[in-house]
């Protein structure tokens, strides 16, 4: 397994070149970029051009830092609302475009609409409607287990992925997002080869499951990392572990923080 960092972790004012330089210098072996609103210093957008992709590809080569995957902040329940599907299709297509342009193998999407009675069923239908296009493009489309109200157990996620029915649509498993109410290694065991990509963060429970808690640095929360990594090895996962974390210590420099996160990933691998 290799260490990767989501670009949201990086100081927001840094340019793309400064971002690639800093992440590479800290010891990471990959980076995840994000499609955001226009104007982010090192963010992609719905308006990113081929010329801009070319500059990013050159930086990726210069700093020996592959673009691992493409995430985005722009999913907001659209898959659960058919009237939002045109926008959702455009966003998914832009993520696939960015992935292909930058050499990434997959993208992160967020199925949503849990507030709607039919949110889950509509989301399944949305991904089914895109299945042929996704398979032709050859980019893995990962569903993230966010707190969307219908991924309350790994079996919920398993059944949704299986209902979509494509080897190119699977799990982008966030190993921290279920810590408040479940056990990450069990999700790994149940989802198995459906897992294409992995996010890392940590969460410290105040008591037992579903009693509240706080987000913490990786290895400082309630995650049992030896068991989690063992479970990933058992299913044959050998991809990137992408940390999606944020610096809370104002006294620590960003450079120190990047090295700290890289060291935490190295320790659990």
C-alpha atoms as a PDB file:
ATOM      1  CA  UNK A   1       0.000   0.000   0.000  1.00  0.00           C
ATOM      2  CA  UNK A   2       1.093   3.557  -0.690  1.00  0.00           C
ATOM      3  CA  UNK A   3       0.577   6.912   1.034  1.00  0.00           C
ATOM      4  CA  UNK A   4      -1.545   9.609  -0.568  1.00  0.00           C
ATOM      5  CA  UNK A   5      -2.962  12.945   0.577  1.00  0.00           C
ATOM      6  CA  UNK A   6      -6.137  14.751  -0.414  1.00  0.00           C
ATOM      7  CA  UNK A   7      -5.368  18.282  -1.604  1.00  0.00           C
ATOM      8  CA  UNK A   8      -7.935  19.726   0.828  1.00  0.00           C
ATOM      9  CA  UNK A   9      -5.391  18.963   3.559  1.00  0.00           C
ATOM     10  CA  UNK A  10      -2.910  21.372   1.991  1.00  0.00           C
ATOM     11  CA  UNK A  11      -2.733  25.045   2.959  1.00  0.00           C
ATOM     12  CA  UNK A  12      -5.477  26.632   0.863  1.00  0.00           C
ATOM     13  CA  UNK A  13      -3.376  29.509  -0.512  1.00  0.00           C
ATOM     14  CA  UNK A  14      -0.774  27.286  -2.201  1.00  0.00           C
ATOM     15  CA  UNK A  15      -0.576  27.074  -5.976  1.00  0.00           C
ATOM     16  CA  UNK A  16      -0.615  23.739  -7.763  1.00  0.00           C
ATOM     17  CA  UNK A  17       3.173  23.716  -8.013  1.00  0.00           C
ATOM     18  CA  UNK A  18       3.629  24.606  -4.340  1.00  0.00           C
ATOM     19  CA  UNK A  19       1.107  21.890  -3.437  1.00  0.00           C
ATOM     20  CA  UNK A  20       2.857  19.175  -5.440  1.00  0.00           C
ATOM     21  CA  UNK A  21       6.251  20.255  -4.079  1.00  0.00           C
ATOM     22  CA  UNK A  22       5.079  20.220  -0.447  1.00  0.00           C
ATOM     23  CA  UNK A  23       3.222  16.901  -0.642  1.00  0.00           C
ATOM     24  CA  UNK A  24       6.128  15.205  -2.412  1.00  0.00           C
ATOM     25  CA  UNK A  25       8.696  16.608   0.048  1.00  0.00           C
ATOM     26  CA  UNK A  26       6.671  15.226   2.979  1.00  0.00           C
ATOM     27  CA  UNK A  27       7.060  11.692   1.619  1.00  0.00           C
ATOM     28  CA  UNK A  28       3.694  10.994   0.041  1.00  0.00           C
ATOM     29  CA  UNK A  29       3.531   8.790  -3.042  1.00  0.00           C
ATOM     30  CA  UNK A  30       0.300  10.186  -4.512  1.00  0.00           C
ATOM     31  CA  UNK A  31      -2.194  13.032  -4.316  1.00  0.00           C
ATOM     32  CA  UNK A  32      -5.959  13.280  -4.692  1.00  0.00           C
ATOM     33  CA  UNK A  33      -7.259  16.423  -6.393  1.00  0.00           C
ATOM     34  CA  UNK A  34     -10.724  17.921  -6.019  1.00  0.00           C
ATOM     35  CA  UNK A  35     -13.260  19.636  -8.230  1.00  0.00           C
ATOM     36  CA  UNK A  36     -14.474  22.686  -6.307  1.00  0.00           C
ATOM     37  CA  UNK A  37     -16.030  26.063  -7.010  1.00  0.00           C
ATOM     38  CA  UNK A  38     -13.875  28.216  -9.315  1.00  0.00           C
ATOM     39  CA  UNK A  39     -11.131  30.189  -7.597  1.00  0.00           C
ATOM     40  CA  UNK A  40      -9.466  27.580  -5.363  1.00  0.00           C
ATOM     41  CA  UNK A  41      -5.689  27.983  -5.624  1.00  0.00           C
ATOM     42  CA  UNK A  42      -5.037  24.271  -6.157  1.00  0.00           C
ATOM     43  CA  UNK A  43      -8.521  23.073  -6.981  1.00  0.00           C
ATOM     44  CA  UNK A  44     -10.008  21.863 -10.236  1.00  0.00           C
ATOM     45  CA  UNK A  45     -13.404  23.187 -11.319  1.00  0.00           C
ATOM     46  CA  UNK A  46     -16.132  22.510 -13.847  1.00  0.00           C
ATOM     47  CA  UNK A  47     -14.275  25.003 -16.085  1.00  0.00           C
ATOM     48  CA  UNK A  48     -10.811  23.386 -15.957  1.00  0.00           C
ATOM     49  CA  UNK A  49      -9.357  23.199 -19.478  1.00  0.00           C
ATOM     50  CA  UNK A  50      -7.080  20.760 -21.280  1.00  0.00           C
ATOM     51  CA  UNK A  51      -4.286  23.335 -21.127  1.00  0.00           C
ATOM     52  CA  UNK A  52      -4.636  23.456 -17.337  1.00  0.00           C
ATOM     53  CA  UNK A  53      -4.668  19.659 -17.140  1.00  0.00           C
ATOM     54  CA  UNK A  54      -1.437  19.634 -19.157  1.00  0.00           C
ATOM     55  CA  UNK A  55       0.263  21.922 -16.629  1.00  0.00           C
ATOM     56  CA  UNK A  56      -0.846  19.676 -13.770  1.00  0.00           C
ATOM     57  CA  UNK A  57       0.392  16.567 -15.599  1.00  0.00           C
ATOM     58  CA  UNK A  58       3.778  18.238 -15.961  1.00  0.00           C
ATOM     59  CA  UNK A  59       3.891  18.968 -12.221  1.00  0.00           C
ATOM     60  CA  UNK A  60       2.909  15.391 -11.420  1.00  0.00           C
ATOM     61  CA  UNK A  61       5.872  14.179 -13.478  1.00  0.00           C
ATOM     62  CA  UNK A  62       8.247  16.846 -12.148  1.00  0.00           C
ATOM     63  CA  UNK A  63       7.593  15.906  -8.532  1.00  0.00           C
ATOM     64  CA  UNK A  64       7.061  12.152  -9.142  1.00  0.00           C
ATOM     65  CA  UNK A  65       3.643  12.470  -7.513  1.00  0.00           C
ATOM     66  CA  UNK A  66       0.843  10.631  -9.351  1.00  0.00           C
ATOM     67  CA  UNK A  67      -2.701  11.956  -9.233  1.00  0.00           C
ATOM     68  CA  UNK A  68      -4.422   9.000  -7.594  1.00  0.00           C
ATOM     69  CA  UNK A  69      -8.096   9.969  -7.817  1.00  0.00           C
ATOM     70  CA  UNK A  70     -10.513  12.852  -8.257  1.00  0.00           C
ATOM     71  CA  UNK A  71     -12.864  13.895  -5.455  1.00  0.00           C
ATOM     72  CA  UNK A  72     -15.200  16.881  -5.306  1.00  0.00           C
ATOM     73  CA  UNK A  73     -17.056  19.132  -2.876  1.00  0.00           C
ATOM     74  CA  UNK A  74     -19.961  19.600  -5.291  1.00  0.00           C
ATOM     75  CA  UNK A  75     -22.065  16.513  -4.593  1.00  0.00           C
ATOM     76  CA  UNK A  76     -25.032  17.510  -2.482  1.00  0.00           C
ATOM     77  CA  UNK A  77     -27.786  14.939  -2.716  1.00  0.00           C
ATOM     78  CA  UNK A  78     -28.270  15.249  -6.484  1.00  0.00           C
ATOM     79  CA  UNK A  79     -28.383  11.513  -7.180  1.00  0.00           C
ATOM     80  CA  UNK A  80     -31.486  11.174  -5.014  1.00  0.00           C
ATOM     81  CA  UNK A  81     -33.403  13.829  -6.960  1.00  0.00           C
ATOM     82  CA  UNK A  82     -34.192  13.071 -10.628  1.00  0.00           C
ATOM     83  CA  UNK A  83     -34.666  16.782 -11.314  1.00  0.00           C
ATOM     84  CA  UNK A  84     -30.957  17.229 -10.407  1.00  0.00           C
ATOM     85  CA  UNK A  85     -29.672  14.378 -12.561  1.00  0.00           C
ATOM     86  CA  UNK A  86     -28.528  16.574 -15.467  1.00  0.00           C
ATOM     87  CA  UNK A  87     -26.185  18.407 -13.108  1.00  0.00           C
ATOM     88  CA  UNK A  88     -25.092  15.151 -11.459  1.00  0.00           C
ATOM     89  CA  UNK A  89     -24.256  13.640 -14.851  1.00  0.00           C
ATOM     90  CA  UNK A  90     -22.260  16.726 -15.810  1.00  0.00           C
ATOM     91  CA  UNK A  91     -20.300  16.578 -12.548  1.00  0.00           C
ATOM     92  CA  UNK A  92     -19.569  12.858 -12.839  1.00  0.00           C
ATOM     93  CA  UNK A  93     -18.463  13.340 -16.456  1.00  0.00           C
ATOM     94  CA  UNK A  94     -16.164  16.214 -15.452  1.00  0.00           C
ATOM     95  CA  UNK A  95     -14.586  14.031 -12.766  1.00  0.00           C
ATOM     96  CA  UNK A  96     -14.032  11.264 -15.307  1.00  0.00           C
ATOM     97  CA  UNK A  97     -12.575  13.800 -17.746  1.00  0.00           C
ATOM     98  CA  UNK A  98     -10.162  15.038 -15.079  1.00  0.00           C
ATOM     99  CA  UNK A  99      -9.206  11.495 -14.081  1.00  0.00           C
ATOM    100  CA  UNK A 100      -8.429  10.508 -17.664  1.00  0.00           C
ATOM    101  CA  UNK A 101      -6.517  13.737 -18.330  1.00  0.00           C
ATOM    102  CA  UNK A 102      -4.390  13.376 -15.180  1.00  0.00           C
ATOM    103  CA  UNK A 103      -3.846   9.608 -15.176  1.00  0.00           C
ATOM    104  CA  UNK A 104      -6.041   8.821 -12.172  1.00  0.00           C
ATOM    105  CA  UNK A 105      -7.802   5.468 -12.070  1.00  0.00           C
ATOM    106  CA  UNK A 106     -10.936   6.473 -10.173  1.00  0.00           C
ATOM    107  CA  UNK A 107     -13.232   9.150  -8.804  1.00  0.00           C
ATOM    108  CA  UNK A 108     -15.191   9.712  -5.597  1.00  0.00           C
ATOM    109  CA  UNK A 109     -18.939  10.335  -5.756  1.00  0.00           C
ATOM    110  CA  UNK A 110     -21.486  10.834  -2.993  1.00  0.00           C
ATOM    111  CA  UNK A 111     -24.898   9.177  -3.359  1.00  0.00           C
ATOM    112  CA  UNK A 112     -27.424  11.303  -1.532  1.00  0.00           C
ATOM    113  CA  UNK A 113     -30.978  12.359  -1.032  1.00  0.00           C
ATOM    114  CA  UNK A 114     -31.584  10.486   2.209  1.00  0.00           C
ATOM    115  CA  UNK A 115     -34.139  13.066   3.280  1.00  0.00           C
ATOM    116  CA  UNK A 116     -36.291  11.804   0.447  1.00  0.00           C
ATOM    117  CA  UNK A 117     -38.213   8.576   0.885  1.00  0.00           C
ATOM    118  CA  UNK A 118     -36.954   7.391  -2.498  1.00  0.00           C
ATOM    119  CA  UNK A 119     -33.413   8.800  -2.159  1.00  0.00           C
ATOM    120  CA  UNK A 120     -31.676   5.451  -2.113  1.00  0.00           C
ATOM    121  CA  UNK A 121     -33.708   3.963  -4.952  1.00  0.00           C
ATOM    122  CA  UNK A 122     -33.279   7.083  -7.071  1.00  0.00           C
ATOM    123  CA  UNK A 123     -29.530   7.004  -6.459  1.00  0.00           C
ATOM    124  CA  UNK A 124     -29.335   3.399  -7.622  1.00  0.00           C
ATOM    125  CA  UNK A 125     -31.272   4.316 -10.763  1.00  0.00           C
ATOM    126  CA  UNK A 126     -28.976   7.273 -11.413  1.00  0.00           C
ATOM    127  CA  UNK A 127     -25.842   5.104 -11.367  1.00  0.00           C
ATOM    128  CA  UNK A 128     -27.568   2.462 -13.476  1.00  0.00           C
ATOM    129  CA  UNK A 129     -28.387   5.126 -16.045  1.00  0.00           C
ATOM    130  CA  UNK A 130     -24.666   5.985 -16.246  1.00  0.00           C
ATOM    131  CA  UNK A 131     -23.419   2.386 -16.176  1.00  0.00           C
ATOM    132  CA  UNK A 132     -22.731   1.971 -19.898  1.00  0.00           C
ATOM    133  CA  UNK A 133     -20.924   5.299 -20.145  1.00  0.00           C
ATOM    134  CA  UNK A 134     -18.831   4.584 -17.047  1.00  0.00           C
ATOM    135  CA  UNK A 135     -17.782   1.205 -18.398  1.00  0.00           C
ATOM    136  CA  UNK A 136     -16.827   2.683 -21.782  1.00  0.00           C
ATOM    137  CA  UNK A 137     -14.687   5.349 -20.115  1.00  0.00           C
ATOM    138  CA  UNK A 138     -12.870   2.763 -17.973  1.00  0.00           C
ATOM    139  CA  UNK A 139     -12.660   4.916 -14.828  1.00  0.00           C
ATOM    140  CA  UNK A 140     -13.701   3.398 -11.502  1.00  0.00           C
ATOM    141  CA  UNK A 141     -16.599   5.297  -9.909  1.00  0.00           C
ATOM    142  CA  UNK A 142     -16.475   5.023  -6.137  1.00  0.00           C
ATOM    143  CA  UNK A 143     -19.429   5.559  -3.824  1.00  0.00           C
ATOM    144  CA  UNK A 144     -18.308   7.060  -0.515  1.00  0.00           C
ATOM    145  CA  UNK A 145     -19.883   5.980   2.772  1.00  0.00           C
ATOM    146  CA  UNK A 146     -20.802   9.434   4.000  1.00  0.00           C
ATOM    147  CA  UNK A 147     -23.367  10.132   6.722  1.00  0.00           C
ATOM    148  CA  UNK A 148     -26.164  10.100   4.170  1.00  0.00           C
ATOM    149  CA  UNK A 149     -28.695   8.114   6.174  1.00  0.00           C
ATOM    150  CA  UNK A 150     -28.626   4.945   4.129  1.00  0.00           C
ATOM    151  CA  UNK A 151     -25.091   3.599   4.653  1.00  0.00           C
ATOM    152  CA  UNK A 152     -25.633   2.544   8.262  1.00  0.00           C
ATOM    153  CA  UNK A 153     -23.910  -0.822   7.841  1.00  0.00           C
ATOM    154  CA  UNK A 154     -21.568  -2.403   5.292  1.00  0.00           C
ATOM    155  CA  UNK A 155     -24.488  -4.527   4.119  1.00  0.00           C
ATOM    156  CA  UNK A 156     -26.356  -1.364   3.072  1.00  0.00           C
ATOM    157  CA  UNK A 157     -23.394  -0.358   0.936  1.00  0.00           C
ATOM    158  CA  UNK A 158     -22.874  -3.862  -0.396  1.00  0.00           C
ATOM    159  CA  UNK A 159     -26.491  -4.198  -1.521  1.00  0.00           C
ATOM    160  CA  UNK A 160     -26.493  -0.788  -3.215  1.00  0.00           C
ATOM    161  CA  UNK A 161     -23.319  -1.511  -5.170  1.00  0.00           C
ATOM    162  CA  UNK A 162     -24.620  -4.926  -6.200  1.00  0.00           C
ATOM    163  CA  UNK A 163     -27.949  -3.409  -7.286  1.00  0.00           C
ATOM    164  CA  UNK A 164     -26.092  -0.983  -9.581  1.00  0.00           C
ATOM    165  CA  UNK A 165     -24.459  -4.004 -11.146  1.00  0.00           C
ATOM    166  CA  UNK A 166     -21.148  -2.878 -12.629  1.00  0.00           C
ATOM    167  CA  UNK A 167     -17.563  -3.875 -11.866  1.00  0.00           C
ATOM    168  CA  UNK A 168     -16.623  -0.231 -12.540  1.00  0.00           C
ATOM    169  CA  UNK A 169     -18.873   1.074  -9.754  1.00  0.00           C
ATOM    170  CA  UNK A 170     -17.865   0.166  -6.218  1.00  0.00           C
ATOM    171  CA  UNK A 171     -16.836   1.483  -2.834  1.00  0.00           C
ATOM    172  CA  UNK A 172     -14.659   4.462  -2.092  1.00  0.00           C
ATOM    173  CA  UNK A 173     -14.365   3.400   1.525  1.00  0.00           C
ATOM    174  CA  UNK A 174     -13.755   6.098   4.119  1.00  0.00           C
ATOM    175  CA  UNK A 175     -12.362   4.234   7.120  1.00  0.00           C
ATOM    176  CA  UNK A 176     -13.263   7.029   9.530  1.00  0.00           C
ATOM    177  CA  UNK A 177     -16.813   7.837   8.543  1.00  0.00           C
ATOM    178  CA  UNK A 178     -18.328   4.793  10.258  1.00  0.00           C
ATOM    179  CA  UNK A 179     -16.241   4.923  13.442  1.00  0.00           C
ATOM    180  CA  UNK A 180     -18.954   6.735  15.394  1.00  0.00           C
ATOM    181  CA  UNK A 181     -21.386   3.864  15.005  1.00  0.00           C
ATOM    182  CA  UNK A 182     -19.563   0.841  13.567  1.00  0.00           C
ATOM    183  CA  UNK A 183     -16.255  -0.994  13.083  1.00  0.00           C
ATOM    184  CA  UNK A 184     -14.175  -0.271   9.933  1.00  0.00           C
ATOM    185  CA  UNK A 185     -12.550  -3.686   9.603  1.00  0.00           C
ATOM    186  CA  UNK A 186     -15.989  -5.308   9.370  1.00  0.00           C
ATOM    187  CA  UNK A 187     -16.821  -3.035   6.429  1.00  0.00           C
ATOM    188  CA  UNK A 188     -13.623  -4.148   4.709  1.00  0.00           C
ATOM    189  CA  UNK A 189     -14.513  -7.803   5.239  1.00  0.00           C
ATOM    190  CA  UNK A 190     -18.071  -7.415   3.920  1.00  0.00           C
ATOM    191  CA  UNK A 191     -17.289  -5.168   0.941  1.00  0.00           C
ATOM    192  CA  UNK A 192     -14.192  -7.120  -0.099  1.00  0.00           C
ATOM    193  CA  UNK A 193     -13.215  -6.672  -3.735  1.00  0.00           C
ATOM    194  CA  UNK A 194     -15.894  -4.016  -4.202  1.00  0.00           C
ATOM    195  CA  UNK A 195     -13.434  -1.582  -2.576  1.00  0.00           C
ATOM    196  CA  UNK A 196     -11.532   0.410  -5.173  1.00  0.00           C
ATOM    197  CA  UNK A 197     -10.210   3.339  -3.153  1.00  0.00           C
ATOM    198  CA  UNK A 198      -9.714   4.218   0.510  1.00  0.00           C
ATOM    199  CA  UNK A 199      -9.834   7.421   2.570  1.00  0.00           C
ATOM    200  CA  UNK A 200      -8.251   7.619   6.018  1.00  0.00           C
ATOM    201  CA  UNK A 201      -9.223   9.707   9.003  1.00  0.00           C
ATOM    202  CA  UNK A 202      -9.732   8.903  12.679  1.00  0.00           C
ATOM    203  CA  UNK A 203     -12.466   9.491  15.237  1.00  0.00           C
ATOM    204  CA  UNK A 204     -12.301   9.065  19.014  1.00  0.00           C
ATOM    205  CA  UNK A 205     -15.469   7.736  20.612  1.00  0.00           C
ATOM    206  CA  UNK A 206     -16.495   9.192  23.962  1.00  0.00           C
ATOM    207  CA  UNK A 207     -17.836   5.803  25.035  1.00  0.00           C
ATOM    208  CA  UNK A 208     -19.147   2.849  23.119  1.00  0.00           C
ATOM    209  CA  UNK A 209     -20.750   3.016  19.686  1.00  0.00           C
ATOM    210  CA  UNK A 210     -23.116   5.902  18.896  1.00  0.00           C
ATOM    211  CA  UNK A 211     -22.298   7.883  22.062  1.00  0.00           C
ATOM    212  CA  UNK A 212     -20.564  10.748  20.280  1.00  0.00           C
ATOM    213  CA  UNK A 213     -16.929  11.644  19.876  1.00  0.00           C
ATOM    214  CA  UNK A 214     -14.398  13.892  18.147  1.00  0.00           C
ATOM    215  CA  UNK A 215     -12.356  13.813  14.965  1.00  0.00           C
ATOM    216  CA  UNK A 216      -8.690  13.196  15.727  1.00  0.00           C
ATOM    217  CA  UNK A 217      -5.385  12.780  13.925  1.00  0.00           C
ATOM    218  CA  UNK A 218      -4.791   9.362  12.392  1.00  0.00           C
ATOM    219  CA  UNK A 219      -3.658   6.847  15.078  1.00  0.00           C
ATOM    220  CA  UNK A 220      -5.063   9.119  17.819  1.00  0.00           C
ATOM    221  CA  UNK A 221      -8.666   7.944  17.656  1.00  0.00           C
ATOM    222  CA  UNK A 222     -10.602   4.707  18.139  1.00  0.00           C
ATOM    223  CA  UNK A 223      -9.673   3.009  14.849  1.00  0.00           C
ATOM    224  CA  UNK A 224      -7.913  -0.334  15.297  1.00  0.00           C
ATOM    225  CA  UNK A 225      -5.402   0.204  12.520  1.00  0.00           C
ATOM    226  CA  UNK A 226      -3.607  -3.168  12.796  1.00  0.00           C
ATOM    227  CA  UNK A 227      -6.946  -4.952  12.326  1.00  0.00           C
ATOM    228  CA  UNK A 228      -8.008  -2.609   9.521  1.00  0.00           C
ATOM    229  CA  UNK A 229      -4.778  -2.983   7.560  1.00  0.00           C
ATOM    230  CA  UNK A 230      -4.844  -6.738   8.091  1.00  0.00           C
ATOM    231  CA  UNK A 231      -8.397  -6.843   6.704  1.00  0.00           C
ATOM    232  CA  UNK A 232      -7.344  -4.809   3.664  1.00  0.00           C
ATOM    233  CA  UNK A 233      -4.435  -7.167   3.016  1.00  0.00           C
ATOM    234  CA  UNK A 234      -6.725 -10.188   3.294  1.00  0.00           C
ATOM    235  CA  UNK A 235      -8.977  -8.911   0.502  1.00  0.00           C
ATOM    236  CA  UNK A 236      -5.951  -8.165  -1.677  1.00  0.00           C
ATOM    237  CA  UNK A 237      -6.112  -4.373  -1.496  1.00  0.00           C
ATOM    238  CA  UNK A 238      -2.744  -2.897  -2.460  1.00  0.00           C
ATOM    239  CA  UNK A 239      -3.664   0.607  -3.567  1.00  0.00           C
ATOM    240  CA  UNK A 240      -3.277   4.068  -2.108  1.00  0.00           C
ATOM    241  CA  UNK A 241      -4.373   5.066   1.377  1.00  0.00           C
ATOM    242  CA  UNK A 242      -5.444   8.698   0.974  1.00  0.00           C
ATOM    243  CA  UNK A 243      -5.502  10.784   4.123  1.00  0.00           C
ATOM    244  CA  UNK A 244      -8.369  13.289   4.175  1.00  0.00           C
ATOM    245  CA  UNK A 245      -7.535  15.253   7.304  1.00  0.00           C
ATOM    246  CA  UNK A 246      -7.197  18.835   8.480  1.00  0.00           C
ATOM    247  CA  UNK A 247      -4.613  20.600  10.660  1.00  0.00           C
ATOM    248  CA  UNK A 248      -6.053  21.574  14.028  1.00  0.00           C
ATOM    249  CA  UNK A 249      -2.866  22.635  15.853  1.00  0.00           C
ATOM    250  CA  UNK A 250      -2.299  26.298  15.025  1.00  0.00           C
ATOM    251  CA  UNK A 251       1.233  26.159  16.439  1.00  0.00           C
ATOM    252  CA  UNK A 252       2.318  23.459  13.976  1.00  0.00           C
ATOM    253  CA  UNK A 253       3.443  24.536  10.524  1.00  0.00           C
ATOM    254  CA  UNK A 254       1.765  22.983   7.524  1.00  0.00           C
ATOM    255  CA  UNK A 255       5.076  21.414   6.483  1.00  0.00           C
ATOM    256  CA  UNK A 256       5.366  19.744   9.888  1.00  0.00           C
ATOM    257  CA  UNK A 257       1.763  18.588   9.627  1.00  0.00           C
ATOM    258  CA  UNK A 258       2.238  16.985   6.206  1.00  0.00           C
ATOM    259  CA  UNK A 259       5.266  15.082   7.534  1.00  0.00           C
ATOM    260  CA  UNK A 260       3.277  14.061  10.604  1.00  0.00           C
ATOM    261  CA  UNK A 261       0.434  12.623   8.509  1.00  0.00           C
ATOM    262  CA  UNK A 262       2.891  10.853   6.201  1.00  0.00           C
ATOM    263  CA  UNK A 263       4.551   9.329   9.266  1.00  0.00           C
ATOM    264  CA  UNK A 264       1.194   8.175  10.672  1.00  0.00           C
ATOM    265  CA  UNK A 265       0.361   6.438   7.401  1.00  0.00           C
ATOM    266  CA  UNK A 266       3.802   4.818   7.324  1.00  0.00           C
ATOM    267  CA  UNK A 267       3.308   3.540  10.871  1.00  0.00           C
ATOM    268  CA  UNK A 268       0.004   1.830  10.139  1.00  0.00           C
ATOM    269  CA  UNK A 269       1.167   0.349   6.840  1.00  0.00           C
END
